[in-house]
Amino acid sequence: MTNLLDRTRAEDPEALLREREARNAALRHIIDAWDEALLSGVHPEQMASAMLYAAITEMVGAHGEEAVAEMVASLPERIRRGEYTLYEQRH
């Protein structure tokens, strides 16, 4: 899958800023929904699984199975590099 942010960055720095602002707004909505679900008794692992499913199905709808499969195949290395580590791991 072509990285949409890289393509936007090359074309228009202002478009990149708008994209980041939109992504941050979306993330705030997701965090609000996450918090609400936790308060209603949904376990964090259940929320994570449901959100991954929703995100992947949306990406497949937008970009197709092959492009998303390629993107997902890159996740192990990105995870190992710490791209998704926001805090210390709980054991």
N, C-alpha and C. Protein backbone atom coordinates (compact mmCIF):
# COMPACT_ATOMS: atom_id res chain seq x y z
N MET A 1 0.85 -1.17 0.00
CA MET A 1 0.00 0.00 0.00
C MET A 1 0.89 1.22 0.00
N THR A 2 0.64 2.14 -0.85
CA THR A 2 1.38 3.39 -0.87
C THR A 2 1.05 4.15 0.40
N ASN A 3 2.08 4.67 1.05
CA ASN A 3 1.86 5.46 2.25
C ASN A 3 1.22 6.78 1.85
N LEU A 4 -0.03 6.96 2.25
CA LEU A 4 -0.76 8.15 1.84
C LEU A 4 -0.16 9.41 2.43
N LEU A 5 0.40 9.33 3.64
CA LEU A 5 1.01 10.50 4.23
C LEU A 5 2.27 10.90 3.47
N ASP A 6 3.08 9.94 3.05
CA ASP A 6 4.28 10.26 2.29
C ASP A 6 3.92 10.96 0.99
N ARG A 7 2.88 10.46 0.32
CA ARG A 7 2.45 11.06 -0.93
C ARG A 7 1.94 12.48 -0.68
N THR A 8 1.18 12.68 0.39
CA THR A 8 0.66 14.01 0.72
C THR A 8 1.80 14.96 1.07
N ARG A 9 2.77 14.48 1.85
CA ARG A 9 3.90 15.31 2.27
C ARG A 9 4.65 15.84 1.04
N ALA A 10 4.85 14.98 0.08
CA ALA A 10 5.58 15.39 -1.12
C ALA A 10 4.79 16.41 -1.92
N GLU A 11 3.47 16.33 -1.87
CA GLU A 11 2.64 17.20 -2.69
C GLU A 11 2.34 18.54 -2.03
N ASP A 12 2.09 18.54 -0.72
CA ASP A 12 1.60 19.76 -0.09
C ASP A 12 1.77 19.68 1.43
N PRO A 13 2.71 20.43 2.00
CA PRO A 13 2.91 20.40 3.45
C PRO A 13 1.66 20.80 4.24
N GLU A 14 0.87 21.72 3.70
CA GLU A 14 -0.36 22.12 4.38
C GLU A 14 -1.36 20.98 4.41
N ALA A 15 -1.40 20.19 3.35
CA ALA A 15 -2.28 19.03 3.32
C ALA A 15 -1.85 18.02 4.37
N LEU A 16 -0.55 17.87 4.56
CA LEU A 16 -0.04 16.98 5.60
C LEU A 16 -0.49 17.45 6.97
N LEU A 17 -0.41 18.74 7.23
CA LEU A 17 -0.86 19.28 8.51
C LEU A 17 -2.35 19.01 8.71
N ARG A 18 -3.15 19.25 7.69
CA ARG A 18 -4.59 18.97 7.79
C ARG A 18 -4.84 17.49 8.06
N GLU A 19 -4.08 16.61 7.40
CA GLU A 19 -4.23 15.17 7.60
C GLU A 19 -3.89 14.80 9.04
N ARG A 20 -2.82 15.35 9.57
CA ARG A 20 -2.44 15.07 10.96
C ARG A 20 -3.50 15.56 11.93
N GLU A 21 -4.03 16.75 11.69
CA GLU A 21 -5.08 17.29 12.55
C GLU A 21 -6.32 16.41 12.51
N ALA A 22 -6.69 15.94 11.32
CA ALA A 22 -7.85 15.07 11.19
C ALA A 22 -7.60 13.74 11.90
N ARG A 23 -6.38 13.21 11.76
CA ARG A 23 -6.05 11.95 12.43
C ARG A 23 -6.08 12.12 13.95
N ASN A 24 -5.58 13.25 14.45
CA ASN A 24 -5.60 13.50 15.89
C ASN A 24 -7.03 13.62 16.40
N ALA A 25 -7.89 14.27 15.63
CA ALA A 25 -9.30 14.37 16.02
C ALA A 25 -9.94 12.99 16.06
N ALA A 26 -9.65 12.16 15.06
CA ALA A 26 -10.19 10.80 15.04
C ALA A 26 -9.69 10.01 16.24
N LEU A 27 -8.42 10.16 16.56
CA LEU A 27 -7.86 9.45 17.71
C LEU A 27 -8.53 9.88 19.00
N ARG A 28 -8.82 11.16 19.14
CA ARG A 28 -9.53 11.62 20.35
C ARG A 28 -10.90 10.95 20.46
N HIS A 29 -11.60 10.79 19.34
CA HIS A 29 -12.91 10.12 19.36
C HIS A 29 -12.76 8.65 19.76
N ILE A 30 -11.73 8.01 19.23
CA ILE A 30 -11.50 6.60 19.57
C ILE A 30 -11.17 6.45 21.05
N ILE A 31 -10.34 7.33 21.57
CA ILE A 31 -9.99 7.27 23.00
C ILE A 31 -11.23 7.49 23.86
N ASP A 32 -12.09 8.42 23.46
CA ASP A 32 -13.34 8.63 24.20
C ASP A 32 -14.21 7.38 24.19
N ALA A 33 -14.33 6.75 23.02
CA ALA A 33 -15.13 5.52 22.92
C ALA A 33 -14.50 4.41 23.76
N TRP A 34 -13.18 4.32 23.72
CA TRP A 34 -12.46 3.32 24.51
C TRP A 34 -12.76 3.51 25.99
N ASP A 35 -12.62 4.74 26.47
CA ASP A 35 -12.87 5.02 27.89
C ASP A 35 -14.31 4.69 28.28
N GLU A 36 -15.24 5.05 27.42
CA GLU A 36 -16.65 4.76 27.70
C GLU A 36 -16.89 3.25 27.78
N ALA A 37 -16.29 2.50 26.87
CA ALA A 37 -16.45 1.05 26.89
C ALA A 37 -15.85 0.44 28.15
N LEU A 38 -14.68 0.91 28.56
CA LEU A 38 -14.07 0.40 29.78
C LEU A 38 -14.94 0.69 30.99
N LEU A 39 -15.52 1.88 31.03
CA LEU A 39 -16.40 2.22 32.15
C LEU A 39 -17.65 1.35 32.18
N SER A 40 -18.06 0.84 31.03
CA SER A 40 -19.25 -0.01 30.98
C SER A 40 -18.91 -1.49 31.20
N GLY A 41 -17.62 -1.79 31.43
CA GLY A 41 -17.24 -3.15 31.77
C GLY A 41 -16.57 -3.96 30.67
N VAL A 42 -16.33 -3.37 29.51
CA VAL A 42 -15.65 -4.08 28.44
C VAL A 42 -14.16 -4.14 28.80
N HIS A 43 -13.56 -5.31 28.63
CA HIS A 43 -12.14 -5.48 28.94
C HIS A 43 -11.28 -4.86 27.85
N PRO A 44 -10.12 -4.31 28.22
CA PRO A 44 -9.24 -3.66 27.23
C PRO A 44 -8.88 -4.57 26.05
N GLU A 45 -8.63 -5.85 26.32
CA GLU A 45 -8.28 -6.77 25.24
C GLU A 45 -9.43 -6.95 24.26
N GLN A 46 -10.67 -6.95 24.78
CA GLN A 46 -11.84 -7.05 23.91
C GLN A 46 -11.98 -5.81 23.04
N MET A 47 -11.74 -4.64 23.63
CA MET A 47 -11.81 -3.40 22.85
C MET A 47 -10.73 -3.40 21.78
N ALA A 48 -9.52 -3.79 22.14
CA ALA A 48 -8.42 -3.80 21.17
C ALA A 48 -8.74 -4.71 20.00
N SER A 49 -9.26 -5.89 20.30
CA SER A 49 -9.59 -6.84 19.24
C SER A 49 -10.69 -6.28 18.34
N ALA A 50 -11.72 -5.70 18.93
CA ALA A 50 -12.82 -5.14 18.14
C ALA A 50 -12.36 -3.96 17.29
N MET A 51 -11.50 -3.11 17.85
CA MET A 51 -11.02 -1.95 17.10
C MET A 51 -10.10 -2.37 15.96
N LEU A 52 -9.26 -3.38 16.21
CA LEU A 52 -8.41 -3.88 15.12
C LEU A 52 -9.26 -4.43 13.99
N TYR A 53 -10.28 -5.21 14.34
CA TYR A 53 -11.17 -5.77 13.33
C TYR A 53 -11.83 -4.64 12.53
N ALA A 54 -12.37 -3.65 13.23
CA ALA A 54 -13.04 -2.54 12.56
C ALA A 54 -12.07 -1.78 11.67
N ALA A 55 -10.86 -1.53 12.16
CA ALA A 55 -9.87 -0.79 11.38
C ALA A 55 -9.45 -1.56 10.14
N ILE A 56 -9.18 -2.84 10.29
CA ILE A 56 -8.74 -3.63 9.13
C ILE A 56 -9.84 -3.75 8.09
N THR A 57 -11.08 -4.00 8.53
CA THR A 57 -12.17 -4.11 7.55
C THR A 57 -12.37 -2.79 6.82
N GLU A 58 -12.22 -1.67 7.50
CA GLU A 58 -12.35 -0.36 6.85
C GLU A 58 -11.22 -0.14 5.85
N MET A 59 -10.00 -0.50 6.23
CA MET A 59 -8.86 -0.35 5.32
C MET A 59 -9.01 -1.25 4.09
N VAL A 60 -9.48 -2.48 4.28
CA VAL A 60 -9.70 -3.38 3.14
C VAL A 60 -10.74 -2.77 2.20
N GLY A 61 -11.79 -2.21 2.77
CA GLY A 61 -12.81 -1.58 1.93
C GLY A 61 -12.26 -0.40 1.14
N ALA A 62 -11.32 0.33 1.73
CA ALA A 62 -10.77 1.51 1.07
C ALA A 62 -9.63 1.19 0.11
N HIS A 63 -8.80 0.17 0.44
CA HIS A 63 -7.58 -0.07 -0.32
C HIS A 63 -7.46 -1.46 -0.94
N GLY A 64 -8.33 -2.38 -0.54
CA GLY A 64 -8.29 -3.74 -1.07
C GLY A 64 -7.47 -4.68 -0.21
N GLU A 65 -7.75 -5.98 -0.39
CA GLU A 65 -7.13 -7.00 0.44
C GLU A 65 -5.62 -7.04 0.31
N GLU A 66 -5.11 -7.02 -0.92
CA GLU A 66 -3.66 -7.18 -1.11
C GLU A 66 -2.88 -6.03 -0.49
N ALA A 67 -3.32 -4.81 -0.70
CA ALA A 67 -2.62 -3.65 -0.14
C ALA A 67 -2.60 -3.71 1.38
N VAL A 68 -3.71 -4.08 1.97
CA VAL A 68 -3.78 -4.16 3.44
C VAL A 68 -2.96 -5.33 3.95
N ALA A 69 -2.96 -6.45 3.24
CA ALA A 69 -2.14 -7.59 3.64
C ALA A 69 -0.67 -7.20 3.66
N GLU A 70 -0.22 -6.43 2.67
CA GLU A 70 1.17 -5.96 2.64
C GLU A 70 1.46 -5.04 3.81
N MET A 71 0.53 -4.14 4.12
CA MET A 71 0.71 -3.23 5.24
C MET A 71 0.79 -4.01 6.56
N VAL A 72 -0.11 -4.97 6.72
CA VAL A 72 -0.13 -5.76 7.96
C VAL A 72 1.14 -6.61 8.07
N ALA A 73 1.66 -7.07 6.95
CA ALA A 73 2.89 -7.88 6.97
C ALA A 73 4.07 -7.08 7.50
N SER A 74 4.02 -5.75 7.40
CA SER A 74 5.13 -4.92 7.90
C SER A 74 5.01 -4.64 9.40
N LEU A 75 3.91 -5.02 10.01
CA LEU A 75 3.70 -4.68 11.41
C LEU A 75 4.69 -5.32 12.38
N PRO A 76 5.07 -6.60 12.23
CA PRO A 76 5.98 -7.16 13.22
C PRO A 76 7.26 -6.34 13.41
N GLU A 77 7.89 -5.94 12.32
CA GLU A 77 9.12 -5.15 12.45
C GLU A 77 8.84 -3.78 13.04
N ARG A 78 7.76 -3.17 12.66
CA ARG A 78 7.40 -1.85 13.19
C ARG A 78 7.11 -1.95 14.69
N ILE A 79 6.45 -3.01 15.10
CA ILE A 79 6.19 -3.22 16.53
C ILE A 79 7.50 -3.40 17.28
N ARG A 80 8.38 -4.22 16.72
CA ARG A 80 9.69 -4.45 17.37
C ARG A 80 10.51 -3.17 17.47
N ARG A 81 10.37 -2.26 16.51
CA ARG A 81 11.09 -0.99 16.55
C ARG A 81 10.49 -0.02 17.56
N GLY A 82 9.34 -0.35 18.11
CA GLY A 82 8.73 0.50 19.13
C GLY A 82 7.74 1.53 18.62
N GLU A 83 7.34 1.44 17.34
CA GLU A 83 6.40 2.43 16.80
C GLU A 83 5.07 2.46 17.54
N TYR A 84 4.71 1.36 18.17
CA TYR A 84 3.41 1.27 18.84
C TYR A 84 3.55 1.19 20.35
N THR A 85 4.72 1.47 20.88
CA THR A 85 4.94 1.42 22.31
C THR A 85 4.75 2.82 22.89
N LEU A 86 3.68 2.99 23.66
CA LEU A 86 3.39 4.28 24.26
C LEU A 86 3.79 4.32 25.73
N TYR A 87 3.91 3.16 26.34
CA TYR A 87 4.23 3.08 27.76
C TYR A 87 4.90 1.76 28.03
N GLU A 88 5.44 1.60 29.22
CA GLU A 88 6.10 0.34 29.59
C GLU A 88 5.10 -0.79 29.57
N GLN A 89 5.57 -1.95 29.14
CA GLN A 89 4.72 -3.15 29.08
C GLN A 89 4.31 -3.59 30.47
N ARG A 90 3.08 -4.06 30.56
CA ARG A 90 2.58 -4.66 31.81
C ARG A 90 2.82 -6.16 31.72
N HIS A 91 3.29 -6.75 32.80
CA HIS A 91 3.51 -8.20 32.83
C HIS A 91 2.63 -8.83 33.87
